[in-house]
Amino acid sequence: MAVNIPVQAVASQTLSFTSPAGQSLGLNIYQMNDYGLFMDVSLNGTLILSGVICQQANRIVRDLYFGVIGDLAWFDVENVATPLPPYYTGIGSRWILCWLSPADLHGLG
């Protein structure tokens, strides 16, 4: 079951999220000019990923090695035919950030 994570349409933000799997995730989301939107991820207060580019429907964590149950991904809900990568001015409305359960991950790259 995918869960939307509340995010704001600002160029840089830090937030905490407790996943339905009970894990505490710290997220630092920031726009790097025209290079794209990036994210750092902490698990239970320990930084596990830094500088991951945020792309349409592309998983953020991608590897069980990091200890995250499930994964995170951005989705363009405005233009599904030609989805675009997230840009900070539309996050939370056009681009939503979701936590994906292990069951949601079957079939995703």
N, C-alpha and C. Protein backbone atom coordinates (compact mmCIF):
# COMPACT_ATOMS: atom_id res chain seq x y z
N MET A 1 0.84 -1.18 0.00
CA MET A 1 0.00 0.00 0.00
C MET A 1 0.89 1.25 0.00
N ALA A 2 0.85 2.02 -1.05
CA ALA A 2 1.62 3.26 -1.14
C ALA A 2 1.03 4.32 -0.21
N VAL A 3 1.90 5.13 0.38
CA VAL A 3 1.48 6.20 1.29
C VAL A 3 2.12 7.50 0.83
N ASN A 4 1.30 8.54 0.65
CA ASN A 4 1.83 9.85 0.29
C ASN A 4 2.54 10.48 1.48
N ILE A 5 3.70 11.07 1.21
CA ILE A 5 4.46 11.78 2.24
C ILE A 5 4.24 13.27 2.02
N PRO A 6 3.76 14.00 3.02
CA PRO A 6 3.51 15.43 2.83
C PRO A 6 4.80 16.22 2.64
N VAL A 7 4.89 16.94 1.52
CA VAL A 7 6.04 17.78 1.20
C VAL A 7 5.53 19.15 0.77
N GLN A 8 6.40 20.14 0.86
CA GLN A 8 6.05 21.52 0.52
C GLN A 8 6.71 21.93 -0.78
N ALA A 9 6.13 22.90 -1.46
CA ALA A 9 6.68 23.42 -2.72
C ALA A 9 7.70 24.52 -2.41
N VAL A 10 8.82 24.10 -1.82
CA VAL A 10 9.93 25.01 -1.49
C VAL A 10 11.22 24.40 -2.02
N ALA A 11 12.23 25.24 -2.24
CA ALA A 11 13.48 24.79 -2.87
C ALA A 11 14.31 23.87 -1.97
N SER A 12 14.09 23.92 -0.66
CA SER A 12 14.85 23.09 0.26
C SER A 12 14.01 22.82 1.50
N GLN A 13 13.96 21.57 1.90
CA GLN A 13 13.20 21.21 3.10
C GLN A 13 13.76 19.95 3.73
N THR A 14 13.57 19.85 5.03
CA THR A 14 13.95 18.67 5.79
C THR A 14 12.73 18.21 6.55
N LEU A 15 12.44 16.92 6.49
CA LEU A 15 11.28 16.41 7.21
C LEU A 15 11.55 15.01 7.72
N SER A 16 10.72 14.61 8.66
CA SER A 16 10.79 13.26 9.22
C SER A 16 9.51 12.54 8.86
N PHE A 17 9.63 11.23 8.65
CA PHE A 17 8.48 10.43 8.27
C PHE A 17 8.63 9.05 8.91
N THR A 18 7.60 8.60 9.57
CA THR A 18 7.60 7.23 10.10
C THR A 18 6.79 6.39 9.13
N SER A 19 7.46 5.44 8.52
CA SER A 19 6.80 4.61 7.51
C SER A 19 5.80 3.67 8.19
N PRO A 20 4.83 3.16 7.43
CA PRO A 20 3.92 2.16 8.00
C PRO A 20 4.65 0.92 8.49
N ALA A 21 5.90 0.71 8.03
CA ALA A 21 6.71 -0.41 8.52
C ALA A 21 7.37 -0.08 9.86
N GLY A 22 7.13 1.15 10.37
CA GLY A 22 7.64 1.55 11.68
C GLY A 22 9.04 2.13 11.68
N GLN A 23 9.59 2.44 10.52
CA GLN A 23 10.94 3.00 10.45
C GLN A 23 10.89 4.53 10.40
N SER A 24 11.84 5.14 11.09
CA SER A 24 11.96 6.59 11.11
C SER A 24 12.90 7.03 9.99
N LEU A 25 12.35 7.76 9.02
CA LEU A 25 13.13 8.23 7.88
C LEU A 25 13.25 9.75 7.94
N GLY A 26 14.47 10.23 7.80
CA GLY A 26 14.72 11.67 7.69
C GLY A 26 14.99 11.98 6.23
N LEU A 27 14.32 12.99 5.70
CA LEU A 27 14.46 13.33 4.29
C LEU A 27 14.89 14.79 4.15
N ASN A 28 15.94 15.01 3.42
CA ASN A 28 16.40 16.35 3.07
C ASN A 28 16.23 16.47 1.56
N ILE A 29 15.32 17.34 1.11
CA ILE A 29 14.97 17.47 -0.31
C ILE A 29 15.39 18.86 -0.75
N TYR A 30 16.13 18.94 -1.87
CA TYR A 30 16.63 20.25 -2.29
C TYR A 30 16.79 20.33 -3.80
N GLN A 31 16.46 21.51 -4.34
CA GLN A 31 16.60 21.78 -5.77
C GLN A 31 17.99 22.34 -6.03
N MET A 32 18.68 21.77 -7.00
CA MET A 32 20.00 22.24 -7.40
C MET A 32 19.88 22.98 -8.74
N ASN A 33 19.40 24.22 -8.70
CA ASN A 33 19.19 25.03 -9.90
C ASN A 33 18.51 24.20 -10.98
N ASP A 34 19.07 24.18 -12.17
CA ASP A 34 18.45 23.42 -13.26
C ASP A 34 18.95 21.99 -13.35
N TYR A 35 19.76 21.55 -12.39
CA TYR A 35 20.30 20.19 -12.41
C TYR A 35 19.28 19.17 -11.92
N GLY A 36 18.30 19.60 -11.18
CA GLY A 36 17.27 18.69 -10.72
C GLY A 36 17.02 18.77 -9.22
N LEU A 37 16.09 17.96 -8.80
CA LEU A 37 15.73 17.83 -7.40
C LEU A 37 16.50 16.64 -6.83
N PHE A 38 17.06 16.80 -5.65
CA PHE A 38 17.88 15.77 -5.02
C PHE A 38 17.37 15.48 -3.62
N MET A 39 17.77 14.32 -3.09
CA MET A 39 17.32 13.92 -1.76
C MET A 39 18.43 13.20 -1.00
N ASP A 40 18.52 13.49 0.30
CA ASP A 40 19.34 12.74 1.24
C ASP A 40 18.36 11.95 2.11
N VAL A 41 18.72 10.74 2.49
CA VAL A 41 17.85 9.89 3.29
C VAL A 41 18.61 9.40 4.52
N SER A 42 17.97 9.56 5.68
CA SER A 42 18.50 9.02 6.93
C SER A 42 17.54 7.95 7.44
N LEU A 43 18.09 6.91 8.03
CA LEU A 43 17.29 5.85 8.65
C LEU A 43 17.63 5.82 10.12
N ASN A 44 16.63 6.06 10.96
CA ASN A 44 16.81 6.09 12.42
C ASN A 44 17.97 7.01 12.83
N GLY A 45 18.06 8.17 12.16
CA GLY A 45 19.06 9.18 12.51
C GLY A 45 20.42 9.01 11.87
N THR A 46 20.62 7.97 11.08
CA THR A 46 21.90 7.74 10.41
C THR A 46 21.75 7.98 8.91
N LEU A 47 22.58 8.87 8.36
CA LEU A 47 22.55 9.14 6.93
C LEU A 47 22.93 7.89 6.16
N ILE A 48 22.05 7.45 5.25
CA ILE A 48 22.34 6.25 4.46
C ILE A 48 22.51 6.55 2.97
N LEU A 49 21.92 7.66 2.51
CA LEU A 49 22.03 8.05 1.10
C LEU A 49 22.14 9.57 1.02
N SER A 50 22.98 10.04 0.11
CA SER A 50 23.15 11.48 -0.05
C SER A 50 23.22 11.83 -1.53
N GLY A 51 22.51 12.88 -1.91
CA GLY A 51 22.58 13.37 -3.27
C GLY A 51 21.93 12.49 -4.32
N VAL A 52 20.86 11.80 -3.95
CA VAL A 52 20.15 10.95 -4.91
C VAL A 52 19.22 11.84 -5.75
N ILE A 53 19.35 11.75 -7.08
CA ILE A 53 18.48 12.54 -7.94
C ILE A 53 17.07 11.98 -7.91
N CYS A 54 16.10 12.89 -7.89
CA CYS A 54 14.69 12.52 -7.86
C CYS A 54 14.16 12.52 -9.29
N GLN A 55 13.68 11.38 -9.74
CA GLN A 55 13.15 11.24 -11.09
C GLN A 55 11.77 10.59 -11.02
N GLN A 56 11.01 10.82 -12.05
CA GLN A 56 9.66 10.27 -12.16
C GLN A 56 9.67 8.75 -12.01
N ALA A 57 8.97 8.25 -11.00
CA ALA A 57 8.76 6.81 -10.78
C ALA A 57 10.05 6.00 -10.67
N ASN A 58 11.14 6.64 -10.27
CA ASN A 58 12.40 5.95 -10.09
C ASN A 58 12.65 5.82 -8.58
N ARG A 59 12.85 4.61 -8.11
CA ARG A 59 13.04 4.38 -6.68
C ARG A 59 14.26 5.14 -6.16
N ILE A 60 14.18 5.59 -4.93
CA ILE A 60 15.26 6.37 -4.30
C ILE A 60 16.27 5.44 -3.62
N VAL A 61 15.82 4.51 -2.81
CA VAL A 61 16.73 3.67 -2.02
C VAL A 61 17.30 2.53 -2.87
N ARG A 62 16.45 1.78 -3.51
CA ARG A 62 16.79 0.77 -4.51
C ARG A 62 17.53 -0.48 -4.02
N ASP A 63 17.99 -0.55 -2.78
CA ASP A 63 18.79 -1.71 -2.37
C ASP A 63 18.48 -2.07 -0.92
N LEU A 64 18.21 -3.35 -0.67
CA LEU A 64 17.91 -3.83 0.68
C LEU A 64 19.08 -3.62 1.64
N TYR A 65 20.28 -3.50 1.11
CA TYR A 65 21.49 -3.30 1.92
C TYR A 65 21.34 -2.15 2.91
N PHE A 66 20.62 -1.09 2.52
CA PHE A 66 20.49 0.10 3.37
C PHE A 66 19.55 -0.10 4.54
N GLY A 67 18.78 -1.18 4.54
CA GLY A 67 17.92 -1.50 5.67
C GLY A 67 16.54 -0.88 5.65
N VAL A 68 16.19 -0.18 4.60
CA VAL A 68 14.87 0.44 4.51
C VAL A 68 13.86 -0.61 4.03
N ILE A 69 12.78 -0.72 4.77
CA ILE A 69 11.69 -1.60 4.36
C ILE A 69 10.83 -0.80 3.38
N GLY A 70 10.67 -1.31 2.17
CA GLY A 70 9.96 -0.57 1.14
C GLY A 70 10.91 0.38 0.43
N ASP A 71 10.37 1.44 -0.16
CA ASP A 71 11.19 2.41 -0.88
C ASP A 71 10.42 3.71 -1.01
N LEU A 72 11.07 4.69 -1.61
CA LEU A 72 10.48 6.01 -1.86
C LEU A 72 10.53 6.27 -3.36
N ALA A 73 9.53 6.99 -3.88
CA ALA A 73 9.54 7.37 -5.29
C ALA A 73 8.64 8.59 -5.49
N TRP A 74 8.97 9.37 -6.52
CA TRP A 74 8.19 10.54 -6.93
C TRP A 74 7.32 10.15 -8.11
N PHE A 75 6.10 10.73 -8.15
CA PHE A 75 5.18 10.46 -9.26
C PHE A 75 4.56 11.77 -9.75
N ASP A 76 4.56 11.93 -11.07
CA ASP A 76 3.95 13.08 -11.73
C ASP A 76 2.47 12.73 -11.93
N VAL A 77 1.59 13.39 -11.18
CA VAL A 77 0.17 13.08 -11.25
C VAL A 77 -0.57 13.99 -12.22
N GLU A 78 0.13 14.96 -12.79
CA GLU A 78 -0.52 15.91 -13.69
C GLU A 78 -0.44 15.50 -15.15
N ASN A 79 0.68 14.93 -15.55
CA ASN A 79 0.88 14.63 -16.96
C ASN A 79 1.44 13.22 -17.12
N VAL A 80 0.59 12.25 -16.94
CA VAL A 80 1.03 10.86 -16.95
C VAL A 80 1.51 10.43 -18.35
N ALA A 81 0.95 11.00 -19.42
CA ALA A 81 1.36 10.63 -20.77
C ALA A 81 2.82 11.00 -21.04
N THR A 82 3.24 12.16 -20.57
CA THR A 82 4.62 12.62 -20.74
C THR A 82 5.11 13.13 -19.39
N PRO A 83 5.41 12.22 -18.45
CA PRO A 83 5.82 12.66 -17.11
C PRO A 83 7.16 13.39 -17.15
N LEU A 84 7.29 14.37 -16.28
CA LEU A 84 8.51 15.15 -16.16
C LEU A 84 9.17 14.87 -14.82
N PRO A 85 10.48 15.12 -14.71
CA PRO A 85 11.12 14.98 -13.40
C PRO A 85 10.62 16.06 -12.46
N PRO A 86 10.61 15.79 -11.16
CA PRO A 86 10.11 16.76 -10.20
C PRO A 86 10.90 18.07 -10.19
N TYR A 87 10.19 19.16 -10.02
CA TYR A 87 10.79 20.49 -9.83
C TYR A 87 10.12 21.09 -8.62
N TYR A 88 10.87 21.76 -7.77
CA TYR A 88 10.38 22.14 -6.44
C TYR A 88 9.07 22.92 -6.44
N THR A 89 8.82 23.73 -7.47
CA THR A 89 7.60 24.55 -7.46
C THR A 89 6.32 23.73 -7.52
N GLY A 90 6.41 22.47 -7.97
CA GLY A 90 5.22 21.64 -8.07
C GLY A 90 5.18 20.46 -7.12
N ILE A 91 6.19 20.35 -6.23
CA ILE A 91 6.14 19.19 -5.34
C ILE A 91 5.03 19.36 -4.31
N GLY A 92 4.38 18.25 -4.04
CA GLY A 92 3.25 18.26 -3.14
C GLY A 92 1.93 18.41 -3.87
N SER A 93 1.98 18.90 -5.12
CA SER A 93 0.76 19.03 -5.91
C SER A 93 0.92 18.23 -7.20
N ARG A 94 1.78 18.68 -8.11
CA ARG A 94 2.00 17.93 -9.35
C ARG A 94 2.82 16.67 -9.09
N TRP A 95 3.90 16.80 -8.33
CA TRP A 95 4.75 15.65 -8.03
C TRP A 95 4.55 15.26 -6.58
N ILE A 96 4.15 14.03 -6.36
CA ILE A 96 3.95 13.55 -5.00
C ILE A 96 5.06 12.55 -4.66
N LEU A 97 5.45 12.58 -3.41
CA LEU A 97 6.44 11.64 -2.90
C LEU A 97 5.70 10.54 -2.16
N CYS A 98 6.00 9.30 -2.51
CA CYS A 98 5.32 8.16 -1.89
C CYS A 98 6.30 7.20 -1.25
N TRP A 99 5.88 6.64 -0.13
CA TRP A 99 6.56 5.47 0.43
C TRP A 99 5.84 4.27 -0.19
N LEU A 100 6.62 3.34 -0.72
CA LEU A 100 6.07 2.15 -1.35
C LEU A 100 6.36 0.94 -0.48
N SER A 101 5.35 0.15 -0.22
CA SER A 101 5.55 -1.07 0.57
C SER A 101 6.30 -2.10 -0.25
N PRO A 102 6.86 -3.12 0.40
CA PRO A 102 7.52 -4.19 -0.37
C PRO A 102 6.60 -4.81 -1.42
N ALA A 103 5.30 -4.93 -1.14
CA ALA A 103 4.36 -5.48 -2.12
C ALA A 103 4.22 -4.55 -3.33
N ASP A 104 4.30 -3.23 -3.11
CA ASP A 104 4.21 -2.27 -4.21
C ASP A 104 5.41 -2.36 -5.15
N LEU A 105 6.52 -2.86 -4.67
CA LEU A 105 7.76 -2.85 -5.44
C LEU A 105 7.85 -3.94 -6.50
N HIS A 106 7.00 -4.93 -6.44
CA HIS A 106 7.04 -6.01 -7.44
C HIS A 106 6.75 -5.42 -8.81
N GLY A 107 7.66 -5.64 -9.74
CA GLY A 107 7.50 -5.15 -11.10
C GLY A 107 8.10 -3.79 -11.36
N LEU A 108 8.53 -3.08 -10.31
CA LEU A 108 9.19 -1.79 -10.52
C LEU A 108 10.68 -1.99 -10.71
N GLY A 109 11.31 -1.12 -11.47
CA GLY A 109 12.76 -1.20 -11.70
C GLY A 109 13.58 -0.72 -10.56
